C-alpha atoms as a PDB file:
ATOM      1  CA  MET A   1      -8.687 -10.741   8.481  1.00  0.00           C
ATOM      2  CA  ALA A   2      -5.791  -8.466   7.627  1.00  0.00           C
ATOM      3  CA  ARG A   3      -5.329  -4.842   8.590  1.00  0.00           C
ATOM      4  CA  ILE A   4      -4.680  -2.689   5.520  1.00  0.00           C
ATOM      5  CA  LEU A   5      -3.452   0.890   5.723  1.00  0.00           C
ATOM      6  CA  ILE A   6      -4.740   3.132   2.939  1.00  0.00           C
ATOM      7  CA  VAL A   7      -2.768   6.347   2.426  1.00  0.00           C
ATOM      8  CA  ASP A   8      -4.358   8.822   0.003  1.00  0.00           C
ATOM      9  CA  ASP A   9      -5.162  12.545   0.141  1.00  0.00           C
ATOM     10  CA  SER A  10      -8.234  12.201  -2.094  1.00  0.00           C
ATOM     11  CA  PRO A  11     -11.382  11.527  -0.035  1.00  0.00           C
ATOM     12  CA  SER A  12     -13.062   9.771  -2.985  1.00  0.00           C
ATOM     13  CA  GLN A  13     -10.052   7.498  -3.647  1.00  0.00           C
ATOM     14  CA  LEU A  14      -9.735   6.753   0.068  1.00  0.00           C
ATOM     15  CA  ALA A  15     -13.435   5.846   0.269  1.00  0.00           C
ATOM     16  CA  GLY A  16     -13.248   3.648  -2.840  1.00  0.00           C
ATOM     17  CA  MET A  17     -10.240   1.672  -1.633  1.00  0.00           C
ATOM     18  CA  LYS A  18     -11.728   1.412   1.869  1.00  0.00           C
ATOM     19  CA  ARG A  19     -14.903  -0.098   0.359  1.00  0.00           C
ATOM     20  CA  ILE A  20     -12.860  -2.692  -1.561  1.00  0.00           C
ATOM     21  CA  VAL A  21     -10.781  -3.597   1.513  1.00  0.00           C
ATOM     22  CA  GLU A  22     -13.934  -4.029   3.619  1.00  0.00           C
ATOM     23  CA  LYS A  23     -15.620  -6.077   0.871  1.00  0.00           C
ATOM     24  CA  LEU A  24     -12.646  -8.466   1.024  1.00  0.00           C
ATOM     25  CA  GLY A  25     -13.227  -8.856   4.775  1.00  0.00           C
ATOM     26  CA  HIS A  26     -10.221  -6.842   5.924  1.00  0.00           C
ATOM     27  CA  GLU A  27      -9.952  -3.955   8.370  1.00  0.00           C
ATOM     28  CA  PRO A  28      -9.017  -0.631   6.748  1.00  0.00           C
ATOM     29  CA  LEU A  29      -6.828   1.926   8.494  1.00  0.00           C
ATOM     30  CA  CYS A  30      -6.616   5.359   6.844  1.00  0.00           C
ATOM     31  CA  ALA A  31      -4.153   8.235   6.581  1.00  0.00           C
ATOM     32  CA  GLU A  32      -4.525  11.369   4.461  1.00  0.00           C
ATOM     33  CA  ASP A  33      -0.894  12.092   3.603  1.00  0.00           C
ATOM     34  CA  GLY A  34       2.513  10.427   3.533  1.00  0.00           C
ATOM     35  CA  ALA A  35       3.679  11.742   6.910  1.00  0.00           C
ATOM     36  CA  ALA A  36       0.535  10.480   8.630  1.00  0.00           C
ATOM     37  CA  GLY A  37       0.899   7.198   6.750  1.00  0.00           C
ATOM     38  CA  VAL A  38       4.396   6.654   8.140  1.00  0.00           C
ATOM     39  CA  GLU A  39       3.143   7.409  11.669  1.00  0.00           C
ATOM     40  CA  VAL A  40       0.186   5.025  11.387  1.00  0.00           C
ATOM     41  CA  ALA A  41       2.390   2.299   9.882  1.00  0.00           C
ATOM     42  CA  LYS A  42       4.825   2.544  12.817  1.00  0.00           C
ATOM     43  CA  ARG A  43       2.054   2.635  15.416  1.00  0.00           C
ATOM     44  CA  GLU A  44      -0.329   0.007  13.976  1.00  0.00           C
ATOM     45  CA  LEU A  45       2.006  -2.317  12.001  1.00  0.00           C
ATOM     46  CA  PRO A  46      -0.601  -3.155   9.321  1.00  0.00           C
ATOM     47  CA  ASP A  47      -0.377  -6.291   7.182  1.00  0.00           C
ATOM     48  CA  LEU A  48      -0.349  -4.302   3.916  1.00  0.00           C
ATOM     49  CA  ILE A  49      -0.197  -0.660   2.791  1.00  0.00           C
ATOM     50  CA  LEU A  50      -1.911   0.921  -0.225  1.00  0.00           C
ATOM     51  CA  MET A  51       0.014   4.147  -0.890  1.00  0.00           C
ATOM     52  CA  ASP A  52      -0.766   7.069  -3.194  1.00  0.00           C
ATOM     53  CA  VAL A  53       2.255   8.976  -4.541  1.00  0.00           C
ATOM     54  CA  VAL A  54       1.146  12.568  -5.139  1.00  0.00           C
ATOM     55  CA  MET A  55       0.348  13.875  -1.633  1.00  0.00           C
ATOM     56  CA  PRO A  56       1.217  16.857   0.563  1.00  0.00           C
ATOM     57  CA  ASN A  57       3.816  16.852   3.372  1.00  0.00           C
ATOM     58  CA  LEU A  58       5.554  13.630   2.365  1.00  0.00           C
ATOM     59  CA  ASN A  59       4.930  12.071  -1.035  1.00  0.00           C
ATOM     60  CA  GLY A  60       4.313   8.361  -1.465  1.00  0.00           C
ATOM     61  CA  PHE A  61       7.812   7.628  -2.760  1.00  0.00           C
ATOM     62  CA  GLN A  62       9.326   9.262   0.361  1.00  0.00           C
ATOM     63  CA  ALA A  63       6.851   7.544   2.699  1.00  0.00           C
ATOM     64  CA  THR A  64       7.469   4.162   1.038  1.00  0.00           C
ATOM     65  CA  ARG A  65      11.225   4.586   1.419  1.00  0.00           C
ATOM     66  CA  SER A  66      10.826   5.568   5.083  1.00  0.00           C
ATOM     67  CA  ILE A  67       8.581   2.593   5.889  1.00  0.00           C
ATOM     68  CA  SER A  68      10.561   0.011   3.894  1.00  0.00           C
ATOM     69  CA  LYS A  69      13.939   1.068   5.333  1.00  0.00           C
ATOM     70  CA  ASP A  70      12.761   1.063   8.972  1.00  0.00           C
ATOM     71  CA  ALA A  71      13.531  -2.161  10.854  1.00  0.00           C
ATOM     72  CA  ALA A  72      10.131  -2.090  12.588  1.00  0.00           C
ATOM     73  CA  THR A  73       8.080  -1.667   9.382  1.00  0.00           C
ATOM     74  CA  GLY A  74      10.307  -2.956   6.582  1.00  0.00           C
ATOM     75  CA  HIS A  75       8.443  -6.288   6.401  1.00  0.00           C
ATOM     76  CA  ILE A  76       5.120  -4.648   5.461  1.00  0.00           C
ATOM     77  CA  PRO A  77       4.333  -4.966   1.739  1.00  0.00           C
ATOM     78  CA  ILE A  78       3.530  -1.630   0.090  1.00  0.00           C
ATOM     79  CA  VAL A  79       1.453  -1.202  -3.064  1.00  0.00           C
ATOM     80  CA  LEU A  80       1.799   2.147  -4.797  1.00  0.00           C
ATOM     81  CA  VAL A  81      -1.594   3.183  -6.201  1.00  0.00           C
ATOM     82  CA  THR A  82      -1.075   6.323  -8.260  1.00  0.00           C
ATOM     83  CA  THR A  83      -1.824   8.409 -11.337  1.00  0.00           C
ATOM     84  CA  LYS A  84       1.918   8.488 -12.105  1.00  0.00           C
ATOM     85  CA  ASP A  85       1.988   6.086 -15.045  1.00  0.00           C
ATOM     86  CA  GLN A  86       5.452   6.490 -16.545  1.00  0.00           C
ATOM     87  CA  GLU A  87       7.790   3.492 -16.535  1.00  0.00           C
ATOM     88  CA  THR A  88      10.419   5.600 -14.731  1.00  0.00           C
ATOM     89  CA  ASP A  89       7.887   6.255 -11.936  1.00  0.00           C
ATOM     90  CA  LYS A  90       7.236   2.534 -11.564  1.00  0.00           C
ATOM     91  CA  VAL A  91      10.951   1.715 -11.489  1.00  0.00           C
ATOM     92  CA  TRP A  92      11.584   4.467  -8.935  1.00  0.00           C
ATOM     93  CA  GLY A  93       8.667   3.304  -6.772  1.00  0.00           C
ATOM     94  CA  MET A  94       9.904  -0.274  -6.734  1.00  0.00           C
ATOM     95  CA  ARG A  95      13.410   0.951  -5.857  1.00  0.00           C
ATOM     96  CA  GLN A  96      11.927   2.754  -2.845  1.00  0.00           C
ATOM     97  CA  GLY A  97      10.624  -0.558  -1.515  1.00  0.00           C
ATOM     98  CA  ALA A  98       7.178  -1.023  -3.073  1.00  0.00           C
ATOM     99  CA  ARG A  99       6.137  -4.609  -3.813  1.00  0.00           C
ATOM    100  CA  ALA A 100       3.555  -3.684  -6.468  1.00  0.00           C
ATOM    101  CA  TYR A 101       2.530  -0.663  -8.548  1.00  0.00           C
ATOM    102  CA  ILE A 102      -1.004   0.050  -9.763  1.00  0.00           C
ATOM    103  CA  THR A 103      -1.952   3.061 -11.855  1.00  0.00           C
ATOM    104  CA  LYS A 104      -5.176   5.002 -11.383  1.00  0.00           C
ATOM    105  CA  PRO A 105      -7.830   4.667 -12.472  1.00  0.00           C
ATOM    106  CA  PHE A 106      -7.644   1.042 -11.385  1.00  0.00           C
ATOM    107  CA  ASN A 107     -10.398  -1.538 -11.433  1.00  0.00           C
ATOM    108  CA  GLU A 108     -11.574  -3.454  -8.393  1.00  0.00           C
ATOM    109  CA  ALA A 109     -10.458  -6.828  -9.768  1.00  0.00           C
ATOM    110  CA  GLN A 110      -6.908  -5.545 -10.291  1.00  0.00           C
ATOM    111  CA  LEU A 111      -6.628  -4.164  -6.748  1.00  0.00           C
ATOM    112  CA  THR A 112      -8.245  -7.291  -5.270  1.00  0.00           C
ATOM    113  CA  GLU A 113      -5.755  -9.552  -7.042  1.00  0.00           C
ATOM    114  CA  VAL A 114      -2.742  -7.599  -5.798  1.00  0.00           C
ATOM    115  CA  ILE A 115      -4.077  -7.527  -2.225  1.00  0.00           C
ATOM    116  CA  ARG A 116      -4.726 -11.281  -2.254  1.00  0.00           C
ATOM    117  CA  ASP A 117      -1.334 -12.064  -3.803  1.00  0.00           C
ATOM    118  CA  LEU A 118       0.579 -10.025  -1.233  1.00  0.00           C
ATOM    119  CA  LEU A 119      -1.412 -11.263   1.769  1.00  0.00           C
ATOM    120  CA  GLN A 120      -1.432 -14.948   0.778  1.00  0.00           C
ATOM    121  CA  PRO A 121       1.959 -15.945   2.286  1.00  0.00           C
ATOM    122  CA  ALA A 122       1.090 -14.187   5.558  1.00  0.00           C
ATOM    123  CA  ALA A 123      -2.399 -15.688   5.699  1.00  0.00           C
ATOM    124  CA  SER A 124      -1.185 -19.243   5.178  1.00  0.00           C
ATOM    125  CA  GLY A 125       1.688 -18.860   7.638  1.00  0.00           C
ATOM    126  CA  GLU A 126       4.075 -20.208   5.026  1.00  0.00           C
ATOM    127  CA  ALA A 127       6.716 -18.601   2.892  1.00  0.00           C
ATOM    128  CA  ALA A 128       5.798 -17.814  -0.672  1.00  0.00           C
ATOM    129  CA  PRO A 129       6.653 -20.660  -3.051  1.00  0.00           C
ATOM    130  CA  LYS A 130       9.980 -20.353  -4.817  1.00  0.00           C
ATOM    131  CA  ALA A 131      10.170 -20.536  -8.571  1.00  0.00           C
END
């Protein structure tokens, strides 16, 4: 069972992603804005982070950059889950340290696949296969 941090300021989005994470047998941790997300990531060291972009205090791009550049949290894969659907947004998000980018509205199968793909190397204890 992995611990997955969900960072989103929308209660309905937070609840929906939490339901999916629990359905997959993982433990959800929640934060309601980017600043709180960075704090929880540093304190709890989750196995994966699902990060919204458009949030108060610290947006998801800023929070992703902060988490991915910190030596203590830089190993944690971050998935940006956002309504920002422009190619430039995706490129910028990946440059901030995100490992995947999903646009809202997403479907459960899409989110499940990304979560499984990013947790697989950690769950097996082996490095991801090289192409």
